[in-house]
Amino acid sequence: MWLLREESSTHLYFHSPITAIDHHVTQTVAIVGTQSGTVNVINTASPDNVLKKISLLPPPGVKSTTVTSAGTAVDEQGEEDEDVANCVESLAMAPSHPWFAVGRNDGSMCIYEMDSNAPRSIYQSNQMMAIVKVIWSMEGNAPYVTIGSIDGTVRVFDARDSSLVKELHNGGDEVLDVLVIQSNPHRIMTAGSGGVVRVFDLN
């Protein structure tokens, strides 16, 4: 983590390669996703020790690791092999709720609460192909999560009860990126493997 004014940085060491990071828009909290499938919650307000607040949230079946106060990682199971199938591909913090969403390589999308290690909801696609993008949006006071997958679909969930609101198909192309137009969250753009950008209108 860089402090641009002082031109200095704080180093965080994890047991697994870092694949995704996100920071809350107003709070001093960040989430870090790893290749092994763990998600680490860190407090970025502490200049002396950024790891003062950390939770390790491995999905089912993933061997957990511990990050020590010195910033070094210890594999709790004593094994170095990582389950790339559970690799975190995308994650995002909800701007108005104490939740965050995580998309993994195995086609799962989990919504976590900040103060709990257990997911509040889990979605698993039948194709078990990577979730490459998760995005939060709001419609009034209702939070929604939009996910894009290599299986060629975009799915929109009501985050309150995790119900599937809409499923969109990307013309047979793998979805490589997704954008929800925040000024009009009913409009969604996708970047496809076939070189086509599609704009969907949910109305």
N, C-alpha and C. Protein backbone atom coordinates (compact mmCIF):
# COMPACT_ATOMS: atom_id res chain seq x y z
N MET A 1 0.85 -1.18 0.00
CA MET A 1 0.00 0.00 0.00
C MET A 1 0.89 1.23 0.00
N TRP A 2 0.69 2.10 -0.99
CA TRP A 2 1.53 3.27 -1.15
C TRP A 2 0.92 4.50 -0.48
N LEU A 3 1.76 5.28 0.19
CA LEU A 3 1.41 6.59 0.71
C LEU A 3 2.11 7.61 -0.19
N LEU A 4 1.36 8.19 -1.12
CA LEU A 4 1.97 9.00 -2.17
C LEU A 4 2.63 10.25 -1.63
N ARG A 5 2.05 10.86 -0.60
CA ARG A 5 2.62 12.11 -0.07
C ARG A 5 3.99 11.86 0.53
N GLU A 6 4.14 10.75 1.26
CA GLU A 6 5.43 10.42 1.88
C GLU A 6 6.32 9.61 0.95
N GLU A 7 5.78 9.18 -0.18
CA GLU A 7 6.50 8.32 -1.13
C GLU A 7 7.04 7.08 -0.43
N SER A 8 6.19 6.50 0.41
CA SER A 8 6.57 5.28 1.11
C SER A 8 5.47 4.24 0.94
N SER A 9 5.77 3.02 1.32
CA SER A 9 4.79 1.96 1.14
C SER A 9 4.85 0.97 2.29
N THR A 10 3.74 0.30 2.51
CA THR A 10 3.64 -0.78 3.49
C THR A 10 3.45 -2.08 2.74
N HIS A 11 4.18 -3.11 3.13
CA HIS A 11 4.13 -4.38 2.42
C HIS A 11 3.28 -5.39 3.18
N LEU A 12 2.44 -6.08 2.45
CA LEU A 12 1.65 -7.17 3.00
C LEU A 12 2.03 -8.44 2.27
N TYR A 13 2.32 -9.48 3.03
CA TYR A 13 2.72 -10.75 2.43
C TYR A 13 1.64 -11.79 2.68
N PHE A 14 1.24 -12.46 1.60
CA PHE A 14 0.25 -13.52 1.69
C PHE A 14 0.83 -14.81 1.14
N HIS A 15 0.21 -15.90 1.53
CA HIS A 15 0.73 -17.21 1.16
C HIS A 15 0.53 -17.51 -0.33
N SER A 16 -0.38 -16.81 -0.97
CA SER A 16 -0.77 -17.14 -2.33
C SER A 16 -0.70 -15.89 -3.20
N PRO A 17 -0.49 -16.04 -4.50
CA PRO A 17 -0.50 -14.87 -5.39
C PRO A 17 -1.80 -14.07 -5.27
N ILE A 18 -1.67 -12.75 -5.30
CA ILE A 18 -2.83 -11.86 -5.20
C ILE A 18 -3.46 -11.72 -6.58
N THR A 19 -4.75 -11.96 -6.66
CA THR A 19 -5.44 -11.94 -7.95
C THR A 19 -6.44 -10.80 -8.08
N ALA A 20 -6.90 -10.21 -6.97
CA ALA A 20 -7.89 -9.13 -7.04
C ALA A 20 -7.88 -8.35 -5.74
N ILE A 21 -8.11 -7.04 -5.84
CA ILE A 21 -8.22 -6.18 -4.66
C ILE A 21 -9.34 -5.16 -4.89
N ASP A 22 -9.93 -4.72 -3.80
CA ASP A 22 -10.92 -3.65 -3.87
C ASP A 22 -10.91 -2.90 -2.54
N HIS A 23 -11.31 -1.64 -2.58
CA HIS A 23 -11.34 -0.81 -1.38
C HIS A 23 -12.70 -0.15 -1.29
N HIS A 24 -13.21 -0.02 -0.07
CA HIS A 24 -14.51 0.61 0.12
C HIS A 24 -14.44 2.09 -0.29
N VAL A 25 -15.55 2.61 -0.80
CA VAL A 25 -15.55 3.97 -1.33
C VAL A 25 -15.41 5.02 -0.23
N THR A 26 -15.83 4.71 0.99
CA THR A 26 -15.76 5.70 2.07
C THR A 26 -15.03 5.20 3.31
N GLN A 27 -15.05 3.90 3.59
CA GLN A 27 -14.44 3.36 4.79
C GLN A 27 -13.01 2.90 4.52
N THR A 28 -12.22 2.79 5.59
CA THR A 28 -10.82 2.40 5.46
C THR A 28 -10.68 0.88 5.54
N VAL A 29 -11.38 0.21 4.66
CA VAL A 29 -11.38 -1.25 4.62
C VAL A 29 -11.13 -1.69 3.18
N ALA A 30 -10.27 -2.68 3.02
CA ALA A 30 -9.99 -3.25 1.71
C ALA A 30 -10.13 -4.76 1.78
N ILE A 31 -10.36 -5.37 0.63
CA ILE A 31 -10.40 -6.83 0.54
C ILE A 31 -9.40 -7.28 -0.52
N VAL A 32 -8.74 -8.39 -0.22
CA VAL A 32 -7.69 -8.92 -1.08
C VAL A 32 -8.01 -10.37 -1.39
N GLY A 33 -8.12 -10.70 -2.66
CA GLY A 33 -8.39 -12.07 -3.08
C GLY A 33 -7.13 -12.75 -3.58
N THR A 34 -7.04 -14.05 -3.38
CA THR A 34 -5.84 -14.80 -3.73
C THR A 34 -6.15 -15.97 -4.65
N GLN A 35 -5.07 -16.50 -5.22
CA GLN A 35 -5.20 -17.64 -6.11
C GLN A 35 -5.72 -18.87 -5.39
N SER A 36 -5.42 -18.99 -4.10
CA SER A 36 -5.87 -20.15 -3.34
C SER A 36 -7.34 -20.10 -2.99
N GLY A 37 -7.99 -18.95 -3.23
CA GLY A 37 -9.41 -18.82 -2.96
C GLY A 37 -9.75 -18.06 -1.71
N THR A 38 -8.76 -17.69 -0.90
CA THR A 38 -9.05 -16.94 0.32
C THR A 38 -9.29 -15.47 0.01
N VAL A 39 -10.08 -14.84 0.87
CA VAL A 39 -10.31 -13.40 0.80
C VAL A 39 -9.91 -12.81 2.14
N ASN A 40 -9.05 -11.80 2.11
CA ASN A 40 -8.53 -11.19 3.32
C ASN A 40 -9.08 -9.78 3.47
N VAL A 41 -9.62 -9.48 4.64
CA VAL A 41 -10.15 -8.15 4.95
C VAL A 41 -9.11 -7.40 5.77
N ILE A 42 -8.70 -6.23 5.31
CA ILE A 42 -7.65 -5.49 5.99
C ILE A 42 -8.10 -4.07 6.29
N ASN A 43 -7.53 -3.52 7.34
CA ASN A 43 -7.78 -2.13 7.73
C ASN A 43 -6.65 -1.28 7.17
N THR A 44 -6.98 -0.37 6.27
CA THR A 44 -5.94 0.44 5.63
C THR A 44 -5.69 1.76 6.35
N ALA A 45 -6.31 1.96 7.52
CA ALA A 45 -6.13 3.21 8.25
C ALA A 45 -4.96 3.17 9.21
N SER A 46 -4.42 2.00 9.47
CA SER A 46 -3.35 1.86 10.46
C SER A 46 -2.00 2.01 9.78
N PRO A 47 -1.26 3.08 10.04
CA PRO A 47 0.02 3.27 9.36
C PRO A 47 1.12 2.35 9.85
N ASP A 48 1.01 1.84 11.09
CA ASP A 48 2.09 1.02 11.64
C ASP A 48 1.89 -0.46 11.37
N ASN A 49 0.66 -0.88 11.23
CA ASN A 49 0.40 -2.31 11.02
C ASN A 49 -0.95 -2.45 10.33
N VAL A 50 -0.91 -2.60 9.02
CA VAL A 50 -2.13 -2.65 8.23
C VAL A 50 -2.93 -3.91 8.53
N LEU A 51 -2.28 -4.92 9.13
CA LEU A 51 -2.96 -6.19 9.36
C LEU A 51 -3.64 -6.25 10.73
N LYS A 52 -3.97 -5.11 11.30
CA LYS A 52 -4.63 -5.14 12.61
C LYS A 52 -6.02 -5.76 12.53
N LYS A 53 -6.67 -5.61 11.40
CA LYS A 53 -7.97 -6.25 11.23
C LYS A 53 -7.89 -7.13 9.99
N ILE A 54 -7.97 -8.42 10.22
CA ILE A 54 -7.88 -9.34 9.08
C ILE A 54 -8.74 -10.56 9.36
N SER A 55 -9.45 -10.98 8.36
CA SER A 55 -10.22 -12.22 8.44
C SER A 55 -9.90 -13.04 7.20
N LEU A 56 -9.74 -14.33 7.39
CA LEU A 56 -9.47 -15.22 6.27
C LEU A 56 -10.72 -16.00 5.97
N LEU A 57 -11.17 -15.91 4.75
CA LEU A 57 -12.46 -16.47 4.39
C LEU A 57 -12.32 -17.48 3.26
N PRO A 58 -11.81 -18.66 3.54
CA PRO A 58 -11.70 -19.66 2.47
C PRO A 58 -13.05 -20.26 2.14
N PRO A 59 -13.32 -20.52 0.87
CA PRO A 59 -14.56 -21.21 0.52
C PRO A 59 -14.49 -22.66 0.94
N PRO A 60 -15.60 -23.38 0.89
CA PRO A 60 -15.59 -24.80 1.29
C PRO A 60 -14.55 -25.59 0.51
N GLY A 61 -13.77 -26.39 1.24
CA GLY A 61 -12.81 -27.27 0.60
C GLY A 61 -11.44 -26.67 0.40
N VAL A 62 -11.26 -25.38 0.66
CA VAL A 62 -9.97 -24.75 0.49
C VAL A 62 -9.23 -24.74 1.81
N LYS A 63 -7.98 -25.18 1.79
CA LYS A 63 -7.17 -25.19 3.00
C LYS A 63 -6.81 -23.76 3.36
N SER A 64 -7.08 -23.38 4.60
CA SER A 64 -6.88 -21.99 5.01
C SER A 64 -5.43 -21.73 5.36
N THR A 65 -5.06 -20.45 5.31
CA THR A 65 -3.73 -20.01 5.69
C THR A 65 -3.86 -18.91 6.72
N THR A 66 -2.79 -18.69 7.44
CA THR A 66 -2.77 -17.64 8.45
C THR A 66 -1.68 -16.64 8.11
N VAL A 67 -2.01 -15.35 8.19
CA VAL A 67 -1.01 -14.30 8.03
C VAL A 67 -0.64 -13.81 9.42
N THR A 68 0.63 -13.90 9.75
CA THR A 68 1.09 -13.54 11.09
C THR A 68 1.21 -12.04 11.23
N SER A 69 1.40 -11.58 12.46
CA SER A 69 1.54 -10.15 12.71
C SER A 69 2.78 -9.57 12.04
N ALA A 70 3.74 -10.43 11.75
CA ALA A 70 4.95 -9.96 11.07
C ALA A 70 4.75 -9.87 9.57
N GLY A 71 3.59 -10.29 9.09
CA GLY A 71 3.30 -10.20 7.67
C GLY A 71 3.72 -11.42 6.89
N THR A 72 4.15 -12.47 7.57
CA THR A 72 4.51 -13.70 6.88
C THR A 72 3.35 -14.67 6.93
N ALA A 73 3.31 -15.57 5.97
CA ALA A 73 2.18 -16.48 5.86
C ALA A 73 2.59 -17.89 6.24
N VAL A 74 1.69 -18.57 6.91
CA VAL A 74 1.91 -19.95 7.31
C VAL A 74 0.77 -20.79 6.79
N ASP A 75 1.09 -21.87 6.09
CA ASP A 75 0.06 -22.78 5.60
C ASP A 75 -0.38 -23.66 6.75
N GLU A 76 -1.64 -23.54 7.16
CA GLU A 76 -2.11 -24.27 8.32
C GLU A 76 -2.15 -25.78 8.08
N GLN A 77 -2.23 -26.18 6.82
CA GLN A 77 -2.30 -27.60 6.52
C GLN A 77 -0.93 -28.19 6.19
N GLY A 78 0.10 -27.33 6.09
CA GLY A 78 1.43 -27.82 5.82
C GLY A 78 1.63 -28.25 4.38
N GLU A 79 0.77 -27.78 3.47
CA GLU A 79 0.89 -28.13 2.07
C GLU A 79 1.00 -26.85 1.26
N GLU A 80 1.76 -26.94 0.15
CA GLU A 80 1.97 -25.77 -0.67
C GLU A 80 1.09 -25.76 -1.91
N ASP A 81 0.49 -26.87 -2.23
CA ASP A 81 -0.34 -26.93 -3.43
C ASP A 81 -1.58 -26.08 -3.26
N GLU A 82 -1.91 -25.32 -4.29
CA GLU A 82 -3.07 -24.45 -4.26
C GLU A 82 -4.12 -24.96 -5.22
N ASP A 83 -5.34 -24.83 -4.82
CA ASP A 83 -6.46 -25.25 -5.65
C ASP A 83 -6.85 -24.07 -6.53
N VAL A 84 -6.31 -24.07 -7.76
CA VAL A 84 -6.55 -22.96 -8.66
C VAL A 84 -8.02 -22.87 -9.04
N ALA A 85 -8.74 -23.95 -8.93
CA ALA A 85 -10.18 -23.93 -9.25
C ALA A 85 -10.92 -22.93 -8.39
N ASN A 86 -10.42 -22.66 -7.18
CA ASN A 86 -11.08 -21.72 -6.28
C ASN A 86 -10.48 -20.31 -6.35
N CYS A 87 -9.62 -20.07 -7.33
CA CYS A 87 -8.97 -18.77 -7.47
C CYS A 87 -9.99 -17.64 -7.51
N VAL A 88 -9.72 -16.58 -6.76
CA VAL A 88 -10.58 -15.40 -6.79
C VAL A 88 -10.31 -14.63 -8.08
N GLU A 89 -11.32 -14.50 -8.92
CA GLU A 89 -11.19 -13.80 -10.19
C GLU A 89 -11.63 -12.35 -10.09
N SER A 90 -12.60 -12.07 -9.24
CA SER A 90 -13.13 -10.72 -9.11
C SER A 90 -13.78 -10.57 -7.75
N LEU A 91 -13.71 -9.38 -7.21
CA LEU A 91 -14.41 -9.09 -5.95
C LEU A 91 -14.76 -7.61 -5.90
N ALA A 92 -15.77 -7.28 -5.10
CA ALA A 92 -16.22 -5.90 -5.00
C ALA A 92 -16.96 -5.70 -3.69
N MET A 93 -16.74 -4.53 -3.09
CA MET A 93 -17.40 -4.17 -1.84
C MET A 93 -18.67 -3.38 -2.14
N ALA A 94 -19.73 -3.69 -1.41
CA ALA A 94 -20.98 -2.95 -1.57
C ALA A 94 -20.79 -1.54 -1.02
N PRO A 95 -21.22 -0.52 -1.75
CA PRO A 95 -21.00 0.85 -1.27
C PRO A 95 -21.89 1.25 -0.11
N SER A 96 -23.05 0.60 0.04
CA SER A 96 -24.02 1.06 1.05
C SER A 96 -24.40 -0.01 2.07
N HIS A 97 -23.81 -1.19 1.97
CA HIS A 97 -24.09 -2.27 2.91
C HIS A 97 -22.77 -2.89 3.35
N PRO A 98 -22.72 -3.52 4.53
CA PRO A 98 -21.48 -4.15 5.01
C PRO A 98 -21.27 -5.52 4.39
N TRP A 99 -21.31 -5.58 3.07
CA TRP A 99 -21.20 -6.83 2.32
C TRP A 99 -20.13 -6.69 1.25
N PHE A 100 -19.64 -7.83 0.79
CA PHE A 100 -18.82 -7.84 -0.42
C PHE A 100 -19.08 -9.13 -1.18
N ALA A 101 -18.87 -9.06 -2.49
CA ALA A 101 -19.14 -10.19 -3.38
C ALA A 101 -17.83 -10.68 -3.96
N VAL A 102 -17.74 -12.00 -4.13
CA VAL A 102 -16.52 -12.64 -4.62
C VAL A 102 -16.89 -13.62 -5.73
N GLY A 103 -16.25 -13.46 -6.89
CA GLY A 103 -16.41 -14.41 -7.98
C GLY A 103 -15.16 -15.25 -8.13
N ARG A 104 -15.34 -16.56 -8.28
CA ARG A 104 -14.19 -17.46 -8.32
C ARG A 104 -14.12 -18.23 -9.64
N ASN A 105 -13.00 -18.88 -9.84
CA ASN A 105 -12.73 -19.61 -11.07
C ASN A 105 -13.63 -20.84 -11.22
N ASP A 106 -14.19 -21.33 -10.13
CA ASP A 106 -15.03 -22.52 -10.19
C ASP A 106 -16.48 -22.21 -10.55
N GLY A 107 -16.77 -20.95 -10.90
CA GLY A 107 -18.13 -20.57 -11.26
C GLY A 107 -19.01 -20.21 -10.09
N SER A 108 -18.42 -20.01 -8.91
CA SER A 108 -19.20 -19.65 -7.73
C SER A 108 -19.12 -18.15 -7.48
N MET A 109 -20.20 -17.61 -6.93
CA MET A 109 -20.23 -16.23 -6.48
C MET A 109 -20.78 -16.23 -5.06
N CYS A 110 -20.00 -15.71 -4.14
CA CYS A 110 -20.40 -15.66 -2.73
C CYS A 110 -20.56 -14.21 -2.31
N ILE A 111 -21.59 -13.95 -1.51
CA ILE A 111 -21.75 -12.66 -0.86
C ILE A 111 -21.47 -12.87 0.63
N TYR A 112 -20.51 -12.10 1.14
CA TYR A 112 -20.12 -12.20 2.55
C TYR A 112 -20.56 -10.95 3.30
N GLU A 113 -20.79 -11.11 4.59
CA GLU A 113 -20.92 -9.98 5.50
C GLU A 113 -19.56 -9.69 6.11
N MET A 114 -19.30 -8.42 6.38
CA MET A 114 -17.98 -8.03 6.87
C MET A 114 -17.63 -8.68 8.20
N ASP A 115 -18.61 -8.93 9.04
CA ASP A 115 -18.34 -9.45 10.38
C ASP A 115 -18.58 -10.95 10.50
N SER A 116 -18.60 -11.65 9.37
CA SER A 116 -18.86 -13.09 9.40
C SER A 116 -17.94 -13.80 8.43
N ASN A 117 -17.46 -14.98 8.83
CA ASN A 117 -16.62 -15.79 7.95
C ASN A 117 -17.43 -16.67 7.01
N ALA A 118 -18.72 -16.81 7.28
CA ALA A 118 -19.57 -17.67 6.45
C ALA A 118 -20.30 -16.81 5.43
N PRO A 119 -20.41 -17.28 4.18
CA PRO A 119 -21.15 -16.51 3.18
C PRO A 119 -22.63 -16.39 3.56
N ARG A 120 -23.21 -15.23 3.28
CA ARG A 120 -24.65 -15.06 3.48
C ARG A 120 -25.42 -15.70 2.33
N SER A 121 -24.74 -15.87 1.18
CA SER A 121 -25.36 -16.56 0.05
C SER A 121 -24.28 -17.08 -0.87
N ILE A 122 -24.58 -18.17 -1.57
CA ILE A 122 -23.65 -18.77 -2.53
C ILE A 122 -24.42 -19.10 -3.80
N TYR A 123 -23.89 -18.66 -4.95
CA TYR A 123 -24.43 -19.06 -6.24
C TYR A 123 -23.38 -19.92 -6.93
N GLN A 124 -23.79 -21.04 -7.51
CA GLN A 124 -22.88 -21.91 -8.24
C GLN A 124 -23.48 -22.20 -9.61
N SER A 125 -22.77 -21.80 -10.66
CA SER A 125 -23.27 -22.05 -12.01
C SER A 125 -23.10 -23.52 -12.36
N ASN A 126 -23.99 -24.02 -13.19
CA ASN A 126 -23.91 -25.42 -13.61
C ASN A 126 -22.68 -25.68 -14.46
N GLN A 127 -22.24 -24.67 -15.22
CA GLN A 127 -21.09 -24.85 -16.10
C GLN A 127 -19.77 -24.81 -15.34
N MET A 128 -19.78 -24.25 -14.14
CA MET A 128 -18.58 -24.16 -13.30
C MET A 128 -17.43 -23.48 -14.04
N MET A 129 -17.75 -22.38 -14.73
CA MET A 129 -16.75 -21.59 -15.45
C MET A 129 -16.58 -20.25 -14.74
N ALA A 130 -15.42 -19.66 -14.91
CA ALA A 130 -14.97 -18.53 -14.09
C ALA A 130 -15.94 -17.35 -14.11
N ILE A 131 -16.14 -16.77 -12.92
CA ILE A 131 -16.85 -15.51 -12.78
C ILE A 131 -15.79 -14.41 -12.86
N VAL A 132 -15.75 -13.69 -13.97
CA VAL A 132 -14.65 -12.75 -14.20
C VAL A 132 -14.95 -11.35 -13.70
N LYS A 133 -16.21 -11.06 -13.36
CA LYS A 133 -16.55 -9.71 -12.92
C LYS A 133 -17.74 -9.75 -11.98
N VAL A 134 -17.64 -9.03 -10.87
CA VAL A 134 -18.78 -8.80 -9.98
C VAL A 134 -18.90 -7.29 -9.77
N ILE A 135 -20.12 -6.77 -9.87
CA ILE A 135 -20.35 -5.33 -9.76
C ILE A 135 -21.58 -5.09 -8.90
N TRP A 136 -21.48 -4.12 -8.01
CA TRP A 136 -22.62 -3.68 -7.21
C TRP A 136 -23.30 -2.51 -7.89
N SER A 137 -24.61 -2.46 -7.76
CA SER A 137 -25.38 -1.31 -8.22
C SER A 137 -26.59 -1.16 -7.32
N MET A 138 -27.21 0.01 -7.38
CA MET A 138 -28.37 0.29 -6.54
C MET A 138 -29.55 0.71 -7.41
N GLU A 139 -30.72 0.24 -7.03
CA GLU A 139 -31.97 0.73 -7.60
C GLU A 139 -32.83 1.20 -6.43
N GLY A 140 -32.85 2.51 -6.22
CA GLY A 140 -33.45 3.02 -5.00
C GLY A 140 -32.59 2.61 -3.82
N ASN A 141 -33.18 1.94 -2.85
CA ASN A 141 -32.44 1.43 -1.70
C ASN A 141 -32.08 -0.05 -1.84
N ALA A 142 -32.38 -0.62 -2.98
CA ALA A 142 -32.17 -2.06 -3.19
C ALA A 142 -30.80 -2.32 -3.82
N PRO A 143 -29.96 -3.16 -3.17
CA PRO A 143 -28.65 -3.48 -3.74
C PRO A 143 -28.73 -4.67 -4.69
N TYR A 144 -28.02 -4.56 -5.80
CA TYR A 144 -27.97 -5.63 -6.78
C TYR A 144 -26.51 -5.99 -7.08
N VAL A 145 -26.30 -7.26 -7.42
CA VAL A 145 -24.98 -7.73 -7.85
C VAL A 145 -25.11 -8.27 -9.26
N THR A 146 -24.28 -7.76 -10.15
CA THR A 146 -24.22 -8.24 -11.53
C THR A 146 -22.92 -8.99 -11.72
N ILE A 147 -22.99 -10.18 -12.31
CA ILE A 147 -21.79 -10.99 -12.52
C ILE A 147 -21.68 -11.37 -13.99
N GLY A 148 -20.44 -11.39 -14.49
CA GLY A 148 -20.16 -11.85 -15.84
C GLY A 148 -19.31 -13.09 -15.79
N SER A 149 -19.60 -14.04 -16.68
CA SER A 149 -18.94 -15.35 -16.62
C SER A 149 -18.39 -15.75 -17.98
N ILE A 150 -17.34 -16.56 -17.93
CA ILE A 150 -16.77 -17.14 -19.13
C ILE A 150 -17.79 -18.02 -19.85
N ASP A 151 -18.81 -18.47 -19.16
CA ASP A 151 -19.82 -19.31 -19.82
C ASP A 151 -20.72 -18.52 -20.76
N GLY A 152 -20.47 -17.21 -20.91
CA GLY A 152 -21.21 -16.41 -21.87
C GLY A 152 -22.48 -15.79 -21.35
N THR A 153 -22.61 -15.70 -20.04
CA THR A 153 -23.82 -15.14 -19.46
C THR A 153 -23.49 -14.00 -18.50
N VAL A 154 -24.48 -13.11 -18.37
CA VAL A 154 -24.47 -12.07 -17.34
C VAL A 154 -25.70 -12.29 -16.48
N ARG A 155 -25.49 -12.34 -15.18
CA ARG A 155 -26.60 -12.59 -14.26
C ARG A 155 -26.71 -11.45 -13.26
N VAL A 156 -27.94 -11.06 -12.99
CA VAL A 156 -28.22 -9.98 -12.05
C VAL A 156 -28.98 -10.56 -10.86
N PHE A 157 -28.47 -10.31 -9.65
CA PHE A 157 -29.06 -10.85 -8.43
C PHE A 157 -29.52 -9.71 -7.53
N ASP A 158 -30.64 -9.92 -6.86
CA ASP A 158 -31.05 -9.06 -5.76
C ASP A 158 -30.25 -9.50 -4.54
N ALA A 159 -29.35 -8.65 -4.07
CA ALA A 159 -28.43 -9.05 -3.00
C ALA A 159 -29.13 -9.25 -1.67
N ARG A 160 -30.34 -8.74 -1.52
CA ARG A 160 -31.04 -8.88 -0.25
C ARG A 160 -31.44 -10.32 0.02
N ASP A 161 -31.90 -11.02 -1.00
CA ASP A 161 -32.31 -12.42 -0.83
C ASP A 161 -31.61 -13.36 -1.80
N SER A 162 -30.66 -12.81 -2.60
CA SER A 162 -29.86 -13.57 -3.56
C SER A 162 -30.69 -14.19 -4.67
N SER A 163 -31.87 -13.65 -4.91
CA SER A 163 -32.70 -14.17 -6.00
C SER A 163 -32.17 -13.70 -7.34
N LEU A 164 -32.24 -14.58 -8.35
CA LEU A 164 -31.81 -14.25 -9.70
C LEU A 164 -32.88 -13.40 -10.36
N VAL A 165 -32.52 -12.17 -10.73
CA VAL A 165 -33.46 -11.23 -11.33
C VAL A 165 -33.46 -11.34 -12.84
N LYS A 166 -32.28 -11.50 -13.43
CA LYS A 166 -32.15 -11.52 -14.88
C LYS A 166 -30.95 -12.34 -15.29
N GLU A 167 -31.11 -13.07 -16.40
CA GLU A 167 -29.98 -13.78 -17.00
C GLU A 167 -29.90 -13.38 -18.46
N LEU A 168 -28.75 -12.85 -18.86
CA LEU A 168 -28.53 -12.37 -20.22
C LEU A 168 -27.49 -13.24 -20.90
N HIS A 169 -27.66 -13.46 -22.20
CA HIS A 169 -26.72 -14.28 -22.97
C HIS A 169 -25.96 -13.40 -23.95
N ASN A 170 -24.66 -13.62 -24.00
CA ASN A 170 -23.75 -12.73 -24.73
C ASN A 170 -23.51 -13.19 -26.16
N GLY A 171 -24.51 -13.72 -26.82
CA GLY A 171 -24.39 -14.11 -28.22
C GLY A 171 -23.41 -15.22 -28.48
N GLY A 172 -23.18 -16.07 -27.49
CA GLY A 172 -22.23 -17.17 -27.65
C GLY A 172 -20.80 -16.82 -27.30
N ASP A 173 -20.51 -15.54 -27.07
CA ASP A 173 -19.16 -15.11 -26.71
C ASP A 173 -18.92 -15.28 -25.21
N GLU A 174 -17.70 -15.62 -24.85
CA GLU A 174 -17.31 -15.56 -23.45
C GLU A 174 -17.37 -14.11 -22.97
N VAL A 175 -17.86 -13.90 -21.77
CA VAL A 175 -17.87 -12.56 -21.18
C VAL A 175 -16.52 -12.33 -20.52
N LEU A 176 -15.79 -11.32 -20.99
CA LEU A 176 -14.48 -11.01 -20.44
C LEU A 176 -14.49 -9.81 -19.51
N ASP A 177 -15.51 -8.96 -19.66
CA ASP A 177 -15.65 -7.82 -18.75
C ASP A 177 -17.10 -7.35 -18.81
N VAL A 178 -17.54 -6.70 -17.74
CA VAL A 178 -18.91 -6.21 -17.63
C VAL A 178 -18.88 -4.82 -17.02
N LEU A 179 -19.78 -3.97 -17.49
CA LEU A 179 -19.93 -2.63 -16.94
C LEU A 179 -21.41 -2.35 -16.71
N VAL A 180 -21.75 -1.95 -15.49
CA VAL A 180 -23.09 -1.46 -15.20
C VAL A 180 -23.03 0.06 -15.22
N ILE A 181 -23.82 0.68 -16.08
CA ILE A 181 -23.82 2.14 -16.17
C ILE A 181 -24.51 2.69 -14.93
N GLN A 182 -23.73 3.24 -14.02
CA GLN A 182 -24.26 3.60 -12.70
C GLN A 182 -25.32 4.69 -12.77
N SER A 183 -25.25 5.56 -13.77
CA SER A 183 -26.28 6.58 -13.91
C SER A 183 -27.60 5.99 -14.38
N ASN A 184 -27.54 4.79 -14.95
CA ASN A 184 -28.74 4.06 -15.37
C ASN A 184 -28.46 2.57 -15.22
N PRO A 185 -28.61 2.03 -14.00
CA PRO A 185 -28.20 0.64 -13.73
C PRO A 185 -29.00 -0.40 -14.50
N HIS A 186 -30.01 0.01 -15.25
CA HIS A 186 -30.72 -0.94 -16.10
C HIS A 186 -29.98 -1.19 -17.41
N ARG A 187 -28.90 -0.46 -17.64
CA ARG A 187 -28.10 -0.65 -18.86
C ARG A 187 -26.77 -1.30 -18.49
N ILE A 188 -26.46 -2.38 -19.19
CA ILE A 188 -25.26 -3.17 -18.91
C ILE A 188 -24.48 -3.35 -20.20
N MET A 189 -23.17 -3.17 -20.13
CA MET A 189 -22.30 -3.38 -21.28
C MET A 189 -21.42 -4.59 -21.03
N THR A 190 -21.17 -5.37 -22.08
CA THR A 190 -20.29 -6.53 -21.96
C THR A 190 -19.19 -6.46 -23.01
N ALA A 191 -18.02 -6.96 -22.65
CA ALA A 191 -16.91 -7.16 -23.58
C ALA A 191 -16.80 -8.64 -23.85
N GLY A 192 -16.91 -9.04 -25.12
CA GLY A 192 -16.95 -10.46 -25.45
C GLY A 192 -15.70 -10.95 -26.14
N SER A 193 -15.49 -12.26 -26.07
CA SER A 193 -14.31 -12.88 -26.68
C SER A 193 -14.34 -12.80 -28.19
N GLY A 194 -15.51 -12.56 -28.78
CA GLY A 194 -15.61 -12.45 -30.24
C GLY A 194 -15.34 -11.05 -30.76
N GLY A 195 -14.90 -10.14 -29.89
CA GLY A 195 -14.59 -8.79 -30.32
C GLY A 195 -15.80 -7.89 -30.41
N VAL A 196 -16.88 -8.23 -29.72
CA VAL A 196 -18.12 -7.47 -29.78
C VAL A 196 -18.43 -6.89 -28.40
N VAL A 197 -18.78 -5.61 -28.38
CA VAL A 197 -19.32 -4.97 -27.17
C VAL A 197 -20.83 -4.92 -27.31
N ARG A 198 -21.51 -5.46 -26.34
CA ARG A 198 -22.98 -5.47 -26.36
C ARG A 198 -23.51 -4.59 -25.25
N VAL A 199 -24.62 -3.92 -25.54
CA VAL A 199 -25.30 -3.07 -24.56
C VAL A 199 -26.69 -3.65 -24.35
N PHE A 200 -26.97 -4.03 -23.11
CA PHE A 200 -28.27 -4.60 -22.75
C PHE A 200 -29.09 -3.56 -22.00
N ASP A 201 -30.37 -3.51 -22.30
CA ASP A 201 -31.31 -2.65 -21.58
C ASP A 201 -32.30 -3.55 -20.87
N LEU A 202 -32.31 -3.51 -19.54
CA LEU A 202 -33.15 -4.41 -18.76
C LEU A 202 -34.61 -3.98 -18.73
N ASN A 203 -34.90 -2.79 -19.17
CA ASN A 203 -36.30 -2.32 -19.15
C ASN A 203 -37.13 -3.03 -20.22
